[in-house]
Amino acid sequence: MDTSFVEALENRARTMLPPATVMRIECLADGGDAAMAALLEDVQEKGLLGEELCPEPCETVVFPDRVLLRCGGCPRLEELPRIAGIGFGRDAREARRNALYALTLPMDHPNARWDGCLAAQAWGEGPVRDVQISCILDRVAYA
């Protein structure tokens, strides 16, 4: 099986956030949020230099059209804005996978809310719900 597309997406995701996420940060910075202005500057600089956005170890979650680099959590989680992925499915495994997929959806048009999170996205159908919380630096790259 050819995995070169996964490697290319992983490399892109390590150094750049999706445009919709950057726009969300930029809007908050333009609104006078100094912490978001500093975060925006850091994210843009690292992207231009090809540096990793976050050095913490991460799990690579592969979907047919995108890759999510999922951090296991770090001290910065409490400092950075958080996002939520809310997944629904027939069982816990499907709900978790859908919650992870929800973390890959563009953050500029959230379709859900979750207390304490800058944005939340929901995905899937079914009786079982799973919620995955992440910092805004969860990295995604699209095919």
N, C-alpha and C. Protein backbone atom coordinates (compact mmCIF):
# COMPACT_ATOMS: atom_id res chain seq x y z
N MET A 1 0.84 -1.18 0.00
CA MET A 1 0.00 0.00 0.00
C MET A 1 0.89 1.24 0.00
N ASP A 2 0.57 2.20 -0.86
CA ASP A 2 1.32 3.44 -0.96
C ASP A 2 0.89 4.39 0.16
N THR A 3 1.82 4.71 1.03
CA THR A 3 1.51 5.61 2.15
C THR A 3 2.13 6.99 1.96
N SER A 4 2.64 7.29 0.78
CA SER A 4 3.31 8.57 0.57
C SER A 4 2.36 9.75 0.80
N PHE A 5 1.08 9.59 0.46
CA PHE A 5 0.14 10.70 0.68
C PHE A 5 -0.02 10.97 2.17
N VAL A 6 0.01 9.93 2.99
CA VAL A 6 -0.11 10.11 4.44
C VAL A 6 1.13 10.84 4.97
N GLU A 7 2.30 10.44 4.51
CA GLU A 7 3.53 11.10 4.94
C GLU A 7 3.54 12.57 4.54
N ALA A 8 3.11 12.87 3.34
CA ALA A 8 3.07 14.26 2.87
C ALA A 8 2.09 15.09 3.70
N LEU A 9 0.94 14.51 4.00
CA LEU A 9 -0.04 15.22 4.83
C LEU A 9 0.47 15.40 6.25
N GLU A 10 1.12 14.38 6.79
CA GLU A 10 1.69 14.49 8.14
C GLU A 10 2.71 15.63 8.20
N ASN A 11 3.58 15.69 7.21
CA ASN A 11 4.60 16.74 7.19
C ASN A 11 3.97 18.12 7.11
N ARG A 12 2.94 18.28 6.31
CA ARG A 12 2.24 19.56 6.21
C ARG A 12 1.55 19.90 7.53
N ALA A 13 0.91 18.92 8.13
CA ALA A 13 0.17 19.16 9.38
C ALA A 13 1.10 19.52 10.54
N ARG A 14 2.33 19.04 10.53
CA ARG A 14 3.25 19.35 11.61
C ARG A 14 3.63 20.84 11.66
N THR A 15 3.57 21.51 10.50
CA THR A 15 4.07 22.89 10.43
C THR A 15 3.00 23.94 10.15
N MET A 16 1.81 23.53 9.77
CA MET A 16 0.78 24.51 9.41
C MET A 16 -0.59 24.11 9.94
N LEU A 17 -1.33 25.10 10.39
CA LEU A 17 -2.73 24.88 10.77
C LEU A 17 -3.61 25.07 9.54
N PRO A 18 -4.79 24.49 9.54
CA PRO A 18 -5.72 24.73 8.43
C PRO A 18 -6.06 26.22 8.35
N PRO A 19 -6.27 26.74 7.14
CA PRO A 19 -6.59 28.16 6.97
C PRO A 19 -7.76 28.63 7.84
N ALA A 20 -8.80 27.83 7.98
CA ALA A 20 -9.96 28.25 8.78
C ALA A 20 -9.59 28.45 10.25
N THR A 21 -8.67 27.63 10.76
CA THR A 21 -8.24 27.77 12.14
C THR A 21 -7.43 29.05 12.31
N VAL A 22 -6.55 29.31 11.36
CA VAL A 22 -5.75 30.54 11.41
C VAL A 22 -6.65 31.76 11.32
N MET A 23 -7.66 31.69 10.47
CA MET A 23 -8.60 32.82 10.35
C MET A 23 -9.35 33.04 11.67
N ARG A 24 -9.71 31.98 12.34
CA ARG A 24 -10.40 32.11 13.63
C ARG A 24 -9.50 32.81 14.65
N ILE A 25 -8.23 32.41 14.69
CA ILE A 25 -7.27 33.05 15.59
C ILE A 25 -7.09 34.51 15.20
N GLU A 26 -6.99 34.78 13.91
CA GLU A 26 -6.79 36.15 13.42
C GLU A 26 -7.97 37.05 13.77
N CYS A 27 -9.17 36.55 13.65
CA CYS A 27 -10.36 37.34 14.00
C CYS A 27 -10.34 37.72 15.48
N LEU A 28 -9.96 36.78 16.34
CA LEU A 28 -9.88 37.08 17.77
C LEU A 28 -8.76 38.08 18.05
N ALA A 29 -7.64 37.95 17.34
CA ALA A 29 -6.53 38.89 17.51
C ALA A 29 -6.95 40.29 17.05
N ASP A 30 -7.66 40.36 15.92
CA ASP A 30 -8.14 41.65 15.41
C ASP A 30 -9.14 42.29 16.36
N GLY A 31 -9.80 41.48 17.16
CA GLY A 31 -10.76 41.97 18.14
C GLY A 31 -10.09 42.48 19.42
N GLY A 32 -8.78 42.45 19.47
CA GLY A 32 -8.07 43.00 20.61
C GLY A 32 -7.53 41.99 21.59
N ASP A 33 -7.65 40.70 21.30
CA ASP A 33 -7.15 39.67 22.21
C ASP A 33 -5.63 39.53 22.02
N ALA A 34 -4.86 40.03 22.97
CA ALA A 34 -3.40 40.04 22.87
C ALA A 34 -2.82 38.63 22.83
N ALA A 35 -3.40 37.71 23.58
CA ALA A 35 -2.91 36.33 23.58
C ALA A 35 -3.09 35.70 22.21
N MET A 36 -4.23 36.00 21.55
CA MET A 36 -4.46 35.46 20.21
C MET A 36 -3.52 36.10 19.20
N ALA A 37 -3.20 37.38 19.39
CA ALA A 37 -2.25 38.05 18.49
C ALA A 37 -0.88 37.39 18.60
N ALA A 38 -0.45 37.07 19.81
CA ALA A 38 0.83 36.40 20.01
C ALA A 38 0.81 34.99 19.42
N LEU A 39 -0.30 34.28 19.61
CA LEU A 39 -0.43 32.93 19.04
C LEU A 39 -0.41 32.99 17.52
N LEU A 40 -1.11 33.95 16.94
CA LEU A 40 -1.13 34.11 15.49
C LEU A 40 0.27 34.35 14.95
N GLU A 41 1.00 35.22 15.59
CA GLU A 41 2.37 35.52 15.16
C GLU A 41 3.24 34.26 15.22
N ASP A 42 3.11 33.50 16.30
CA ASP A 42 3.88 32.27 16.47
C ASP A 42 3.53 31.24 15.39
N VAL A 43 2.25 31.05 15.16
CA VAL A 43 1.80 30.07 14.17
C VAL A 43 2.27 30.46 12.77
N GLN A 44 2.15 31.73 12.42
CA GLN A 44 2.57 32.18 11.10
C GLN A 44 4.08 32.05 10.92
N GLU A 45 4.84 32.42 11.93
CA GLU A 45 6.29 32.34 11.85
C GLU A 45 6.75 30.89 11.68
N LYS A 46 6.19 30.00 12.47
CA LYS A 46 6.58 28.59 12.37
C LYS A 46 6.20 28.02 11.00
N GLY A 47 5.04 28.41 10.49
CA GLY A 47 4.64 27.94 9.18
C GLY A 47 5.59 28.40 8.09
N LEU A 48 5.98 29.66 8.15
CA LEU A 48 6.91 30.21 7.15
C LEU A 48 8.29 29.57 7.23
N LEU A 49 8.73 29.23 8.45
CA LEU A 49 10.05 28.63 8.63
C LEU A 49 10.02 27.10 8.51
N GLY A 50 8.83 26.53 8.41
CA GLY A 50 8.71 25.07 8.32
C GLY A 50 9.02 24.37 9.63
N GLU A 51 8.81 25.07 10.75
CA GLU A 51 9.05 24.49 12.07
C GLU A 51 7.78 23.83 12.59
N GLU A 52 7.98 22.83 13.46
CA GLU A 52 6.82 22.16 14.06
C GLU A 52 6.05 23.12 14.95
N LEU A 53 4.73 23.06 14.86
CA LEU A 53 3.88 23.91 15.69
C LEU A 53 3.93 23.49 17.15
N CYS A 54 4.07 22.22 17.38
CA CYS A 54 4.08 21.69 18.74
C CYS A 54 5.03 20.49 18.77
N PRO A 55 5.98 20.49 19.70
CA PRO A 55 6.94 19.40 19.75
C PRO A 55 6.44 18.14 20.47
N GLU A 56 5.26 18.21 21.07
CA GLU A 56 4.75 17.07 21.83
C GLU A 56 4.48 15.87 20.92
N PRO A 57 4.66 14.66 21.44
CA PRO A 57 4.34 13.46 20.64
C PRO A 57 2.85 13.45 20.29
N CYS A 58 2.56 12.90 19.14
CA CYS A 58 1.16 12.85 18.72
C CYS A 58 0.85 11.54 18.00
N GLU A 59 -0.41 11.24 17.98
CA GLU A 59 -0.94 10.07 17.28
C GLU A 59 -1.38 10.54 15.90
N THR A 60 -1.07 9.79 14.87
CA THR A 60 -1.52 10.11 13.53
C THR A 60 -2.80 9.33 13.26
N VAL A 61 -3.89 10.06 13.03
CA VAL A 61 -5.17 9.43 12.73
C VAL A 61 -5.45 9.69 11.25
N VAL A 62 -5.54 8.62 10.48
CA VAL A 62 -5.70 8.73 9.03
C VAL A 62 -7.16 8.51 8.65
N PHE A 63 -7.69 9.46 7.90
CA PHE A 63 -9.01 9.35 7.30
C PHE A 63 -8.81 9.29 5.78
N PRO A 64 -9.80 8.88 5.01
CA PRO A 64 -9.60 8.77 3.56
C PRO A 64 -9.15 10.07 2.88
N ASP A 65 -9.56 11.22 3.42
CA ASP A 65 -9.25 12.49 2.75
C ASP A 65 -8.44 13.46 3.59
N ARG A 66 -7.99 13.04 4.78
CA ARG A 66 -7.26 13.95 5.67
C ARG A 66 -6.51 13.19 6.75
N VAL A 67 -5.61 13.89 7.39
CA VAL A 67 -4.82 13.33 8.48
C VAL A 67 -4.94 14.27 9.67
N LEU A 68 -5.14 13.70 10.85
CA LEU A 68 -5.18 14.45 12.10
C LEU A 68 -3.98 14.04 12.94
N LEU A 69 -3.20 15.01 13.39
CA LEU A 69 -2.13 14.73 14.34
C LEU A 69 -2.69 15.07 15.71
N ARG A 70 -2.99 14.07 16.47
CA ARG A 70 -3.71 14.20 17.73
C ARG A 70 -2.75 14.14 18.90
N CYS A 71 -2.62 15.23 19.60
CA CYS A 71 -1.74 15.32 20.76
C CYS A 71 -2.39 14.57 21.93
N GLY A 72 -1.58 13.96 22.75
CA GLY A 72 -2.09 13.26 23.92
C GLY A 72 -2.34 14.17 25.11
N GLY A 73 -2.03 15.44 24.93
CA GLY A 73 -2.20 16.41 26.01
C GLY A 73 -0.85 16.86 26.55
N CYS A 74 -0.78 18.13 26.91
CA CYS A 74 0.46 18.68 27.44
C CYS A 74 0.11 19.86 28.34
N PRO A 75 1.08 20.43 29.03
CA PRO A 75 0.80 21.57 29.91
C PRO A 75 0.17 22.76 29.19
N ARG A 76 0.45 22.92 27.90
CA ARG A 76 -0.10 24.05 27.15
C ARG A 76 -1.60 23.95 26.94
N LEU A 77 -2.18 22.78 27.14
CA LEU A 77 -3.62 22.62 26.94
C LEU A 77 -4.42 23.61 27.79
N GLU A 78 -3.93 23.89 28.98
CA GLU A 78 -4.64 24.83 29.85
C GLU A 78 -4.44 26.28 29.42
N GLU A 79 -3.37 26.56 28.66
CA GLU A 79 -3.05 27.93 28.24
C GLU A 79 -3.67 28.30 26.91
N LEU A 80 -3.81 27.34 26.03
CA LEU A 80 -4.28 27.61 24.67
C LEU A 80 -5.79 27.46 24.57
N PRO A 81 -6.40 28.11 23.58
CA PRO A 81 -7.83 27.88 23.36
C PRO A 81 -8.06 26.41 23.06
N ARG A 82 -9.20 25.94 23.50
CA ARG A 82 -9.55 24.54 23.28
C ARG A 82 -10.66 24.41 22.25
N ILE A 83 -10.67 23.28 21.58
CA ILE A 83 -11.72 22.93 20.64
C ILE A 83 -12.28 21.57 21.04
N ALA A 84 -13.50 21.31 20.61
CA ALA A 84 -14.14 20.04 20.94
C ALA A 84 -14.61 19.35 19.66
N GLY A 85 -14.40 18.06 19.63
CA GLY A 85 -14.96 17.21 18.59
C GLY A 85 -16.00 16.32 19.26
N ILE A 86 -17.22 16.40 18.79
CA ILE A 86 -18.31 15.62 19.37
C ILE A 86 -18.74 14.58 18.34
N GLY A 87 -18.58 13.33 18.68
CA GLY A 87 -18.90 12.27 17.74
C GLY A 87 -20.07 11.42 18.22
N PHE A 88 -20.87 11.00 17.27
CA PHE A 88 -21.99 10.11 17.54
C PHE A 88 -21.81 8.85 16.70
N GLY A 89 -22.20 7.71 17.26
CA GLY A 89 -22.07 6.47 16.52
C GLY A 89 -22.91 5.37 17.12
N ARG A 90 -22.85 4.19 16.49
CA ARG A 90 -23.60 3.03 16.96
C ARG A 90 -22.98 2.43 18.22
N ASP A 91 -21.65 2.62 18.37
CA ASP A 91 -20.94 2.10 19.55
C ASP A 91 -19.85 3.08 19.94
N ALA A 92 -19.15 2.80 21.03
CA ALA A 92 -18.13 3.73 21.55
C ALA A 92 -16.99 3.93 20.57
N ARG A 93 -16.59 2.88 19.89
CA ARG A 93 -15.48 3.00 18.92
C ARG A 93 -15.86 3.93 17.77
N GLU A 94 -17.04 3.75 17.20
CA GLU A 94 -17.47 4.60 16.10
C GLU A 94 -17.67 6.05 16.57
N ALA A 95 -18.21 6.23 17.77
CA ALA A 95 -18.40 7.58 18.30
C ALA A 95 -17.06 8.28 18.50
N ARG A 96 -16.04 7.56 19.00
CA ARG A 96 -14.72 8.16 19.18
C ARG A 96 -14.11 8.54 17.84
N ARG A 97 -14.20 7.66 16.87
CA ARG A 97 -13.64 7.95 15.53
C ARG A 97 -14.34 9.17 14.94
N ASN A 98 -15.66 9.26 15.11
CA ASN A 98 -16.40 10.41 14.59
C ASN A 98 -16.04 11.69 15.35
N ALA A 99 -15.74 11.58 16.64
CA ALA A 99 -15.31 12.75 17.41
C ALA A 99 -13.95 13.24 16.92
N LEU A 100 -13.07 12.31 16.62
CA LEU A 100 -11.77 12.70 16.07
C LEU A 100 -11.94 13.33 14.69
N TYR A 101 -12.83 12.78 13.89
CA TYR A 101 -13.11 13.38 12.57
C TYR A 101 -13.67 14.79 12.75
N ALA A 102 -14.52 14.97 13.75
CA ALA A 102 -15.10 16.30 14.00
C ALA A 102 -14.01 17.31 14.31
N LEU A 103 -12.92 16.88 14.94
CA LEU A 103 -11.80 17.79 15.21
C LEU A 103 -11.13 18.27 13.93
N THR A 104 -11.36 17.57 12.82
CA THR A 104 -10.74 17.98 11.55
C THR A 104 -11.62 18.95 10.75
N LEU A 105 -12.85 19.15 11.19
CA LEU A 105 -13.75 20.03 10.46
C LEU A 105 -13.33 21.49 10.65
N PRO A 106 -13.50 22.32 9.63
CA PRO A 106 -13.06 23.71 9.72
C PRO A 106 -13.69 24.43 10.92
N MET A 107 -12.86 25.14 11.65
CA MET A 107 -13.28 25.81 12.87
C MET A 107 -13.94 27.17 12.63
N ASP A 108 -14.01 27.62 11.37
CA ASP A 108 -14.60 28.94 11.14
C ASP A 108 -16.12 28.91 11.16
N HIS A 109 -16.72 27.74 11.04
CA HIS A 109 -18.19 27.62 11.11
C HIS A 109 -18.56 26.47 12.03
N PRO A 110 -18.39 26.65 13.35
CA PRO A 110 -18.72 25.56 14.27
C PRO A 110 -20.21 25.21 14.20
N ASN A 111 -20.50 23.93 14.35
CA ASN A 111 -21.90 23.48 14.29
C ASN A 111 -22.41 22.99 15.64
N ALA A 112 -21.61 23.21 16.69
CA ALA A 112 -21.99 22.78 18.04
C ALA A 112 -21.34 23.72 19.05
N ARG A 113 -21.66 23.50 20.31
CA ARG A 113 -21.05 24.26 21.41
C ARG A 113 -20.60 23.29 22.47
N TRP A 114 -19.51 23.65 23.15
CA TRP A 114 -19.05 22.87 24.29
C TRP A 114 -18.43 23.83 25.28
N ASP A 115 -18.85 23.74 26.51
CA ASP A 115 -18.40 24.67 27.54
C ASP A 115 -16.88 24.72 27.64
N GLY A 116 -16.34 25.93 27.65
CA GLY A 116 -14.91 26.12 27.79
C GLY A 116 -14.12 25.99 26.50
N CYS A 117 -14.81 25.81 25.38
CA CYS A 117 -14.12 25.63 24.10
C CYS A 117 -14.40 26.80 23.17
N LEU A 118 -13.38 27.19 22.44
CA LEU A 118 -13.48 28.25 21.45
C LEU A 118 -14.45 27.86 20.34
N ALA A 119 -14.40 26.59 19.96
CA ALA A 119 -15.27 26.08 18.91
C ALA A 119 -15.53 24.60 19.15
N ALA A 120 -16.64 24.12 18.62
CA ALA A 120 -16.97 22.70 18.71
C ALA A 120 -17.64 22.27 17.41
N GLN A 121 -17.31 21.08 16.99
CA GLN A 121 -17.90 20.50 15.80
C GLN A 121 -18.45 19.12 16.17
N ALA A 122 -19.58 18.78 15.58
CA ALA A 122 -20.19 17.47 15.79
C ALA A 122 -20.21 16.71 14.47
N TRP A 123 -20.11 15.37 14.58
CA TRP A 123 -20.11 14.54 13.37
C TRP A 123 -20.68 13.18 13.72
N GLY A 124 -21.46 12.63 12.82
CA GLY A 124 -21.96 11.28 12.95
C GLY A 124 -23.38 11.20 13.47
N GLU A 125 -23.88 9.98 13.49
CA GLU A 125 -25.24 9.70 13.97
C GLU A 125 -25.21 8.43 14.80
N GLY A 126 -26.06 8.39 15.78
CA GLY A 126 -26.17 7.20 16.60
C GLY A 126 -26.42 7.56 18.05
N PRO A 127 -26.71 6.55 18.86
CA PRO A 127 -27.06 6.79 20.26
C PRO A 127 -25.88 7.03 21.19
N VAL A 128 -24.67 6.68 20.76
CA VAL A 128 -23.50 6.80 21.63
C VAL A 128 -22.75 8.09 21.27
N ARG A 129 -22.39 8.85 22.32
CA ARG A 129 -21.66 10.11 22.11
C ARG A 129 -20.28 10.03 22.74
N ASP A 130 -19.30 10.61 22.06
CA ASP A 130 -17.95 10.73 22.59
C ASP A 130 -17.48 12.16 22.33
N VAL A 131 -16.80 12.75 23.29
CA VAL A 131 -16.29 14.10 23.14
C VAL A 131 -14.78 14.07 23.30
N GLN A 132 -14.08 14.64 22.34
CA GLN A 132 -12.63 14.76 22.38
C GLN A 132 -12.29 16.25 22.47
N ILE A 133 -11.56 16.63 23.52
CA ILE A 133 -11.14 18.01 23.71
C ILE A 133 -9.68 18.11 23.30
N SER A 134 -9.35 19.20 22.63
CA SER A 134 -8.00 19.40 22.16
C SER A 134 -7.64 20.87 22.24
N CYS A 135 -6.36 21.17 22.21
CA CYS A 135 -5.98 22.57 22.06
C CYS A 135 -6.12 22.92 20.58
N ILE A 136 -6.10 24.18 20.31
CA ILE A 136 -6.31 24.64 18.94
C ILE A 136 -5.17 24.21 18.01
N LEU A 137 -4.07 23.73 18.58
CA LEU A 137 -2.95 23.30 17.75
C LEU A 137 -3.04 21.85 17.29
N ASP A 138 -4.20 21.18 17.51
CA ASP A 138 -4.39 19.88 16.88
C ASP A 138 -4.21 20.12 15.38
N ARG A 139 -3.32 19.39 14.77
CA ARG A 139 -2.97 19.68 13.40
C ARG A 139 -3.70 18.78 12.42
N VAL A 140 -4.14 19.40 11.32
CA VAL A 140 -4.91 18.70 10.29
C VAL A 140 -4.34 19.07 8.93
N ALA A 141 -4.30 18.12 8.03
CA ALA A 141 -3.95 18.41 6.64
C ALA A 141 -4.92 17.63 5.75
N TYR A 142 -5.36 18.27 4.69
CA TYR A 142 -6.35 17.70 3.79
C TYR A 142 -5.71 17.26 2.48
N ALA A 143 -6.21 16.17 1.92
CA ALA A 143 -5.69 15.68 0.64
C ALA A 143 -6.05 16.64 -0.48
